[in-house]
Protein backbone atom coordinates (compact mmCIF):
# COMPACT_ATOMS: atom_id res chain seq x y z
CA MET A 1 -11.17 -1.35 -46.16
CA SER A 2 -11.79 1.99 -47.73
CA HIS A 3 -10.90 5.33 -46.25
CA ASP A 4 -14.57 6.10 -45.52
CA GLU A 5 -15.02 2.79 -43.66
CA ASN A 6 -11.96 3.58 -41.50
CA ILE A 7 -13.36 6.97 -40.56
CA GLU A 8 -16.76 5.47 -39.71
CA SER A 9 -15.10 2.75 -37.62
CA ARG A 10 -13.13 5.36 -35.65
CA ARG A 11 -16.26 7.42 -35.04
CA ARG A 12 -18.13 4.37 -33.76
CA PHE A 13 -15.21 3.51 -31.44
CA LEU A 14 -15.08 7.04 -30.03
CA LYS A 15 -18.84 7.10 -29.42
CA VAL A 16 -18.66 3.82 -27.51
CA ALA A 17 -15.61 4.97 -25.53
CA VAL A 18 -17.24 8.28 -24.55
CA GLY A 19 -20.49 6.52 -23.64
CA THR A 20 -18.69 3.97 -21.48
CA THR A 21 -16.68 6.66 -19.70
CA ALA A 22 -19.84 8.66 -19.02
CA ALA A 23 -21.56 5.56 -17.62
CA VAL A 24 -18.65 4.80 -15.29
CA VAL A 25 -18.60 8.37 -13.99
CA ALA A 26 -22.39 8.39 -13.52
CA ILE A 27 -22.31 5.12 -11.56
CA GLY A 28 -19.78 6.44 -9.10
CA GLY A 29 -16.43 6.53 -10.78
CA LEU A 30 -13.65 4.04 -10.74
CA PRO A 31 -13.08 1.91 -7.64
CA ARG A 32 -10.92 3.56 -5.02
CA PHE A 33 -7.86 1.67 -3.95
CA ALA A 34 -7.03 1.47 -0.27
CA ARG A 35 -4.37 3.86 0.90
CA ALA A 36 -2.04 3.30 3.82
CA ALA A 37 -4.01 5.84 5.84
CA ASP A 38 -7.11 3.67 5.39
CA LEU A 39 -5.45 0.52 6.73
CA PRO A 40 -5.95 -0.41 10.39
CA HIS A 41 -2.85 -0.09 12.55
CA VAL A 42 -1.23 -3.21 13.92
CA ALA A 43 -1.72 -3.44 17.68
CA GLU A 44 1.11 -4.82 19.78
CA SER A 45 -1.46 -7.26 21.18
CA ASP A 46 -2.12 -8.72 17.70
CA PRO A 47 -1.06 -12.42 17.60
CA THR A 48 1.24 -11.88 14.62
CA ALA A 49 2.72 -8.77 16.21
CA LYS A 50 3.41 -10.71 19.40
CA ALA A 51 5.03 -13.54 17.46
CA LEU A 52 7.30 -11.07 15.65
CA GLY A 53 8.00 -8.95 18.73
CA TYR A 54 6.54 -5.86 17.04
CA VAL A 55 6.67 -2.64 19.06
CA GLU A 56 5.33 0.79 18.07
CA ASP A 57 8.47 2.46 19.40
CA ALA A 58 11.74 0.90 18.24
CA GLY A 59 13.40 2.14 21.42
CA ARG A 60 11.56 -0.65 23.25
CA GLY A 61 12.86 -3.29 20.81
CA GLY A 62 15.04 -5.03 23.35
CA ALA A 63 18.43 -6.68 23.04
CA LYS A 64 17.87 -8.11 19.54
CA ARG A 65 17.43 -4.66 17.97
CA LYS A 66 20.43 -2.96 16.40
CA ALA A 67 20.76 0.80 16.75
CA GLY A 68 18.99 2.60 13.90
CA ASP A 69 16.72 -0.31 12.95
CA VAL A 70 13.16 0.95 12.45
CA CYS A 71 10.30 -0.12 10.18
CA SER A 72 10.91 2.77 7.77
CA ASN A 73 14.32 1.33 6.79
CA CYS A 74 13.15 -2.29 6.54
CA GLN A 75 12.75 -4.06 3.19
CA PHE A 76 9.25 -5.27 4.15
CA TYR A 77 7.93 -1.75 4.83
CA THR A 78 6.48 0.12 1.85
CA GLY A 79 5.29 3.33 3.50
CA GLY A 80 6.91 6.72 3.93
CA PRO A 81 9.56 7.77 6.43
CA SER A 82 7.03 8.95 9.02
CA GLY A 83 3.57 8.02 10.21
CA TYR A 84 2.12 4.62 9.35
CA GLY A 85 2.57 2.49 6.26
CA PRO A 86 1.98 -1.00 4.88
CA CYS A 87 4.24 -3.88 5.84
CA GLN A 88 4.42 -7.15 3.89
CA LEU A 89 4.55 -9.08 7.18
CA PHE A 90 1.16 -7.66 8.24
CA PRO A 91 -1.04 -7.86 5.11
CA GLY A 92 -3.94 -5.42 5.15
CA LYS A 93 -2.55 -3.49 8.12
CA SER A 94 -0.12 -0.65 8.65
CA VAL A 95 2.78 -0.33 11.07
CA ASN A 96 4.44 2.67 12.68
CA ALA A 97 7.44 3.89 10.64
CA LYS A 98 9.26 4.25 13.97
CA GLY A 99 8.33 0.72 15.06
CA TRP A 100 10.40 -2.47 14.93
CA CYS A 101 10.09 -6.28 14.92
CA VAL A 102 12.49 -9.23 14.99
CA SER A 103 12.07 -9.76 11.24
CA HIS A 104 13.69 -6.42 10.44
CA ALA A 105 15.83 -6.66 7.31
CA ALA A 106 17.63 -3.54 6.15
CA LYS A 107 16.66 -2.20 2.73
CA LYS A 108 19.23 -2.87 0.05
CA ALA A 109 20.70 0.26 -1.46
């Protein structure tokens, strides 16, 4: 390939790339991914929550709960230290960072 063909090839690529980007923006942009704030909260009455003994307030966790165990320090929780965040045990839903369930497993350091 000659030098001139390389330059022409690059120009063609850039034109297509710019055109595609403009089309995506005009159509409505890139798809928006769900954020934890968008996820519905798990209700204590949810069948899975009942099966796992999930409570919104870890203080009501009962005899099985160890002091200091809350969702925010569980390996299944992927949210922040406060508010609500996703939990692998409740796909598509968020749990209270201060909640607790019997499947609590402390995060590994």
